[in-house]
N, C-alpha and C. Protein backbone atom coordinates (compact mmCIF):
# COMPACT_ATOMS: atom_id res chain seq x y z
N UNK A 1 97.57 124.72 70.15
CA UNK A 1 96.99 124.05 71.18
C UNK A 1 97.19 124.37 72.26
N UNK A 2 96.78 124.65 72.83
CA UNK A 2 96.66 125.16 74.95
C UNK A 2 96.55 123.89 75.43
N UNK A 3 98.12 123.94 76.49
CA UNK A 3 97.84 122.93 77.49
C UNK A 3 96.99 122.71 78.48
N UNK A 4 96.41 121.88 78.85
CA UNK A 4 95.17 121.59 79.90
C UNK A 4 95.62 122.25 81.00
N UNK A 5 94.48 122.81 81.77
CA UNK A 5 94.98 123.58 82.88
C UNK A 5 94.93 122.52 83.94
N UNK A 6 95.87 122.70 85.09
CA UNK A 6 96.30 121.78 86.21
C UNK A 6 95.75 122.32 87.24
N UNK A 7 94.51 122.24 87.42
CA UNK A 7 93.87 122.51 89.04
C UNK A 7 94.07 121.54 89.66
N UNK A 8 94.49 122.13 91.44
CA UNK A 8 94.69 120.81 92.07
C UNK A 8 93.55 120.42 92.68
N UNK A 9 93.21 119.39 92.84
CA UNK A 9 92.04 118.18 92.47
C UNK A 9 91.56 118.49 93.79
N UNK A 10 90.45 118.28 94.65
CA UNK A 10 90.14 118.15 96.27
C UNK A 10 91.03 116.96 96.87
N UNK A 11 91.85 117.31 97.73
CA UNK A 11 92.24 117.00 98.51
C UNK A 11 92.11 115.35 98.74
N UNK A 12 90.03 115.27 98.97
CA UNK A 12 90.26 113.46 99.73
C UNK A 12 89.96 112.82 98.07
N UNK A 13 90.05 113.26 97.02
CA UNK A 13 90.44 112.45 95.73
C UNK A 13 91.67 112.25 95.85
N UNK A 14 92.76 113.02 95.88
CA UNK A 14 94.51 112.79 96.19
C UNK A 14 94.78 111.89 97.13
N UNK A 15 93.67 111.97 98.40
CA UNK A 15 94.39 111.09 99.78
C UNK A 15 93.82 109.96 98.43
N UNK A 16 92.21 109.37 98.20
CA UNK A 16 92.24 108.04 98.05
C UNK A 16 92.52 107.59 96.94
N UNK A 17 93.49 108.32 96.04
CA UNK A 17 94.53 107.93 94.91
C UNK A 17 95.49 107.44 95.73
N UNK A 18 95.79 107.97 96.82
CA UNK A 18 97.05 107.63 97.51
C UNK A 18 96.87 106.23 98.13
N UNK A 19 96.12 106.59 98.68
CA UNK A 19 95.37 104.82 99.26
C UNK A 19 95.36 103.79 98.37
N UNK A 20 94.92 104.17 97.21
CA UNK A 20 94.66 102.98 96.35
C UNK A 20 96.72 102.51 95.79
N UNK A 21 97.36 103.24 95.51
CA UNK A 21 98.78 103.56 95.57
C UNK A 21 99.36 102.71 96.53
N UNK A 22 99.19 102.76 97.63
CA UNK A 22 100.02 102.02 98.68
C UNK A 22 98.95 100.35 98.73
N UNK A 23 97.68 100.52 98.21
CA UNK A 23 97.05 99.04 98.38
C UNK A 23 97.57 98.36 97.52
N UNK A 24 98.33 98.92 96.45
CA UNK A 24 98.75 98.16 95.14
C UNK A 24 100.44 98.04 95.27
N UNK A 25 101.17 98.94 96.39
CA UNK A 25 102.17 98.42 96.96
C UNK A 25 102.29 97.72 97.86
N UNK A 26 101.10 97.03 98.61
CA UNK A 26 101.19 95.89 99.87
C UNK A 26 100.93 95.14 98.94
N UNK A 27 100.15 94.64 97.94
CA UNK A 27 100.17 93.49 97.06
C UNK A 27 101.21 93.25 96.55
N UNK A 28 102.15 94.36 95.96
CA UNK A 28 103.66 94.12 95.44
C UNK A 28 103.93 93.47 96.42
N UNK A 29 104.54 93.79 98.00
CA UNK A 29 105.30 93.66 98.80
C UNK A 29 104.83 91.96 99.14
N UNK A 30 103.80 91.80 98.88
CA UNK A 30 103.11 90.59 99.39
C UNK A 30 103.62 89.41 98.39
N UNK A 31 103.37 89.77 97.05
CA UNK A 31 104.02 88.82 95.92
C UNK A 31 105.76 88.51 96.06
N UNK A 32 106.35 89.86 96.21
CA UNK A 32 108.01 89.62 96.83
C UNK A 32 108.54 88.71 97.54
N UNK A 33 107.08 89.09 98.89
CA UNK A 33 107.32 87.86 99.87
C UNK A 33 106.99 86.72 99.99
N UNK A 34 105.74 86.43 99.53
CA UNK A 34 105.64 84.72 98.74
C UNK A 34 106.31 84.43 97.75
N UNK A 35 107.27 85.20 96.84
CA UNK A 35 108.47 84.33 96.38
C UNK A 35 109.44 84.48 96.76
N UNK A 36 109.93 85.06 98.33
CA UNK A 36 110.94 84.97 98.82
C UNK A 36 110.68 83.48 99.93
N UNK A 37 108.92 83.38 100.00
CA UNK A 37 108.67 82.25 100.98
C UNK A 37 108.94 81.20 100.69
N UNK A 38 108.24 81.10 99.34
CA UNK A 38 108.37 79.77 98.10
C UNK A 38 109.99 79.34 98.66
N UNK A 39 110.98 80.04 97.69
CA UNK A 39 112.02 79.53 98.29
C UNK A 39 112.92 78.89 99.16
N UNK A 40 112.27 79.76 100.54
CA UNK A 40 112.82 79.59 101.64
C UNK A 40 112.19 78.57 102.49
N UNK A 41 111.18 78.56 102.56
CA UNK A 41 110.33 77.63 103.25
C UNK A 41 109.81 76.55 102.55
N UNK A 42 109.21 76.39 101.70
CA UNK A 42 108.43 74.97 100.69
C UNK A 42 109.47 74.56 100.86
N UNK A 43 109.57 72.87 100.64
CA UNK A 43 110.60 71.36 100.58
C UNK A 43 110.55 71.75 98.86
N UNK A 44 111.97 70.78 98.32
CA UNK A 44 111.86 71.04 96.68
C UNK A 44 110.94 70.11 96.57
N UNK A 45 110.05 70.59 95.08
CA UNK A 45 109.51 70.00 94.29
C UNK A 45 110.31 68.86 93.29
N UNK A 46 109.28 68.05 93.27
CA UNK A 46 109.89 66.67 92.44
C UNK A 46 110.92 67.02 91.02
N UNK A 47 110.54 67.93 90.72
CA UNK A 47 111.13 68.93 89.77
C UNK A 47 112.30 69.68 89.80
N UNK A 48 113.30 69.44 89.50
CA UNK A 48 114.52 70.41 90.10
C UNK A 48 114.29 71.23 89.24
N UNK A 49 114.14 72.66 89.93
CA UNK A 49 114.45 74.33 89.59
C UNK A 49 113.12 74.65 89.83
N UNK A 50 111.86 74.10 89.66
CA UNK A 50 110.59 74.52 89.47
C UNK A 50 110.64 75.88 91.06
N UNK A 51 110.57 75.08 92.30
CA UNK A 51 110.62 76.20 92.83
C UNK A 51 111.40 77.60 93.09
N UNK A 52 112.47 77.40 92.48
CA UNK A 52 113.08 78.68 91.89
C UNK A 52 112.46 79.57 90.96
N UNK A 53 111.83 78.66 90.17
CA UNK A 53 111.35 79.46 88.87
C UNK A 53 110.11 79.94 89.48
N UNK A 54 109.04 79.28 90.27
CA UNK A 54 108.05 80.01 90.55
C UNK A 54 108.01 81.49 91.21
N UNK A 55 109.29 81.22 92.15
CA UNK A 55 109.87 82.19 93.16
C UNK A 55 110.35 83.42 92.02
N UNK A 56 111.03 83.14 91.38
CA UNK A 56 111.42 84.48 90.17
C UNK A 56 110.10 85.07 89.55
N UNK A 57 109.38 84.24 89.39
CA UNK A 57 108.26 85.00 88.78
C UNK A 57 107.10 85.39 89.72
N UNK A 58 107.06 85.15 91.10
CA UNK A 58 106.28 85.91 91.86
C UNK A 58 107.37 87.63 92.16
N UNK A 59 108.95 87.33 92.67
CA UNK A 59 109.09 88.24 93.06
C UNK A 59 109.34 89.53 91.79
N UNK A 60 109.60 88.40 90.43
CA UNK A 60 109.49 89.67 89.21
C UNK A 60 108.07 90.39 89.47
N UNK A 61 107.04 89.95 89.15
CA UNK A 61 105.89 90.37 89.57
C UNK A 61 105.27 91.41 90.29
N UNK A 62 105.97 91.32 91.27
CA UNK A 62 106.12 92.29 92.23
C UNK A 62 106.72 93.44 92.27
N UNK A 63 107.56 93.04 91.43
CA UNK A 63 108.33 94.75 90.96
C UNK A 63 107.77 95.20 90.10
N UNK A 64 107.19 94.63 89.10
CA UNK A 64 106.54 95.09 88.03
C UNK A 64 105.23 95.86 88.64
N UNK A 65 104.73 94.87 89.64
CA UNK A 65 103.20 95.65 89.87
C UNK A 65 103.53 96.75 90.80
N UNK A 66 104.83 97.12 91.54
CA UNK A 66 104.92 98.28 92.26
C UNK A 66 105.54 99.30 91.16
N UNK A 67 106.20 99.41 90.46
CA UNK A 67 106.52 99.96 89.08
C UNK A 67 105.22 100.63 88.48
N UNK A 68 104.25 99.52 88.14
CA UNK A 68 102.92 100.06 87.40
C UNK A 68 102.38 100.38 88.23
N UNK A 69 102.06 100.80 89.51
CA UNK A 69 101.33 101.86 90.58
C UNK A 69 102.11 102.38 90.52
N UNK A 70 103.18 102.82 90.93
CA UNK A 70 103.56 104.38 90.26
C UNK A 70 103.06 105.15 89.46
N UNK A 71 103.17 104.40 88.00
CA UNK A 71 102.45 104.89 86.80
C UNK A 71 101.13 105.27 87.19
N UNK A 72 100.66 104.04 87.40
CA UNK A 72 98.87 104.30 88.13
C UNK A 72 98.66 105.48 88.43
N UNK A 73 99.26 105.76 89.42
CA UNK A 73 99.10 106.97 90.31
C UNK A 73 99.44 108.20 89.91
N UNK A 74 100.41 108.59 89.04
CA UNK A 74 100.97 109.92 88.25
C UNK A 74 99.37 110.17 87.30
N UNK A 75 99.13 109.04 86.74
CA UNK A 75 98.28 109.19 85.10
C UNK A 75 96.90 109.44 86.07
N UNK A 76 96.40 109.21 87.04
CA UNK A 76 95.14 109.01 87.57
C UNK A 76 95.21 110.50 88.64
N UNK A 77 96.29 111.22 89.30
CA UNK A 77 96.37 112.12 89.65
C UNK A 77 96.45 113.38 88.55
N UNK A 78 97.15 113.25 87.32
CA UNK A 78 97.07 114.31 86.20
C UNK A 78 95.51 114.24 85.69
N UNK A 79 95.42 113.40 85.39
CA UNK A 79 93.80 113.10 84.99
C UNK A 79 92.70 113.92 86.02
N UNK A 80 93.30 113.88 87.36
CA UNK A 80 92.28 114.35 88.23
C UNK A 80 92.28 115.85 88.21
N UNK A 81 93.42 116.34 87.90
CA UNK A 81 94.37 117.57 87.51
C UNK A 81 93.18 118.71 86.82
N UNK A 82 93.68 117.41 85.63
CA UNK A 82 93.17 118.63 84.26
C UNK A 82 91.94 117.88 83.86
N UNK A 83 91.11 117.47 84.56
CA UNK A 83 89.21 117.25 85.07
C UNK A 83 88.93 116.10 83.72
N UNK A 84 89.45 115.40 83.38
CA UNK A 84 89.17 113.96 82.39
C UNK A 84 89.24 112.88 83.18
N UNK A 85 88.67 111.94 82.41
CA UNK A 85 88.04 110.77 82.85
C UNK A 85 89.56 110.85 83.19
N UNK A 86 89.03 109.35 84.59
CA UNK A 86 89.67 108.55 84.65
C UNK A 86 90.48 107.51 84.09
N UNK A 87 91.93 107.00 84.01
CA UNK A 87 92.26 106.16 83.19
C UNK A 87 92.18 104.53 83.12
N UNK A 88 91.28 103.83 82.12
CA UNK A 88 91.37 102.60 82.46
C UNK A 88 92.02 101.85 83.50
N UNK A 89 91.76 100.85 84.10
CA UNK A 89 93.10 100.13 84.95
C UNK A 89 92.77 98.46 84.81
N UNK A 90 93.72 97.90 84.28
CA UNK A 90 93.68 96.28 83.33
C UNK A 90 94.21 95.33 84.74
N UNK A 91 95.08 96.31 85.90
CA UNK A 91 95.82 95.45 86.51
C UNK A 91 95.11 94.43 87.47
N UNK A 92 93.88 94.85 88.45
CA UNK A 92 93.01 93.78 89.20
C UNK A 92 92.87 92.00 88.17
N UNK A 93 92.12 92.41 86.99
CA UNK A 93 92.17 91.64 86.07
C UNK A 93 93.41 90.71 86.00
N UNK A 94 94.47 91.33 85.72
CA UNK A 94 95.17 90.41 85.34
C UNK A 94 96.07 89.87 86.32
N UNK A 95 96.34 90.70 87.45
CA UNK A 95 96.89 90.49 88.85
C UNK A 95 95.76 88.53 89.21
N UNK A 96 94.75 88.66 89.20
CA UNK A 96 93.59 88.10 89.10
C UNK A 96 93.73 86.82 88.50
N UNK A 97 93.90 86.81 87.26
CA UNK A 97 94.06 85.55 86.21
C UNK A 97 95.57 85.09 86.15
N UNK A 98 96.55 85.96 86.86
CA UNK A 98 97.92 85.32 87.11
C UNK A 98 98.01 84.37 88.16
N UNK A 99 97.41 84.80 89.41
CA UNK A 99 97.25 84.38 90.71
C UNK A 99 96.05 82.92 90.54
N UNK A 100 95.56 83.39 89.76
CA UNK A 100 94.71 81.88 89.24
C UNK A 100 95.68 80.78 88.54
N UNK A 101 96.49 81.20 87.53
CA UNK A 101 97.07 80.26 86.99
C UNK A 101 98.22 79.75 87.85
N UNK A 102 98.94 80.80 88.68
CA UNK A 102 99.48 80.32 89.34
C UNK A 102 99.26 79.38 90.46
N UNK A 103 98.31 79.43 91.16
CA UNK A 103 97.63 78.34 91.85
C UNK A 103 97.19 77.01 91.41
N UNK A 104 96.44 77.35 89.93
CA UNK A 104 96.55 76.09 89.45
C UNK A 104 98.23 74.95 89.15
N UNK A 105 99.20 76.23 88.67
CA UNK A 105 100.31 75.17 88.72
C UNK A 105 101.26 74.57 89.68
N UNK A 106 100.72 75.60 90.75
CA UNK A 106 100.88 74.85 92.44
C UNK A 106 100.23 73.69 92.73
N UNK A 107 99.13 73.49 92.74
CA UNK A 107 98.52 72.45 93.03
C UNK A 107 98.87 71.26 92.33
N UNK A 108 99.20 71.38 90.88
CA UNK A 108 99.36 70.57 89.97
C UNK A 108 100.73 69.61 90.39
N UNK A 109 101.71 71.30 90.40
CA UNK A 109 102.96 70.19 91.24
C UNK A 109 102.30 69.55 92.69
N UNK A 110 101.89 69.85 93.70
CA UNK A 110 101.80 69.36 94.71
C UNK A 110 101.08 67.83 94.26
N UNK A 111 100.04 67.75 93.79
CA UNK A 111 99.85 66.58 93.38
C UNK A 111 100.56 65.23 92.79
N UNK A 112 101.29 65.89 91.48
CA UNK A 112 101.84 65.21 90.51
C UNK A 112 102.94 64.79 91.24
N UNK A 113 104.23 65.74 91.96
CA UNK A 113 105.55 65.64 92.17
C UNK A 113 105.41 66.14 93.91
N UNK A 114 105.30 64.91 94.57
CA UNK A 114 105.06 65.22 96.30
C UNK A 114 106.74 65.89 96.56
N UNK A 115 106.43 67.01 97.85
CA UNK A 115 107.66 67.50 97.93
C UNK A 115 108.51 66.85 98.33
N UNK A 116 109.76 66.84 97.99
CA UNK A 116 110.77 65.78 98.86
C UNK A 116 111.56 66.80 99.90
N UNK A 117 112.73 66.28 100.17
CA UNK A 117 113.22 66.81 101.53
C UNK A 117 114.01 68.24 100.85
N UNK A 118 114.58 69.10 101.88
CA UNK A 118 114.61 70.45 101.29
C UNK A 118 116.52 70.39 101.25
């Protein structure tokens, strides 16, 4: 079996792939910044450790998203060079569902346990 030919794709497609990668990196940075802001700027919730736990989830999610963005960029670039179909992307759905869940948790915490002093 021969290796697929690696042709250089049209530079516009490569640049579009790079812009998409950078958008995912900005999203990852926003998640990390949100995690830092949550622990540094919000007062404590009534339940001990919740603020730190949510912050850890956000920061870890940002790191995982950055890592998966690199992998996604490589897979798309490789598919374009080989003339293959682009790989499917589940990241938008996963991020959307996770952020809705996080929003619900934060709203419940804000209603049930009003923030105390920092």
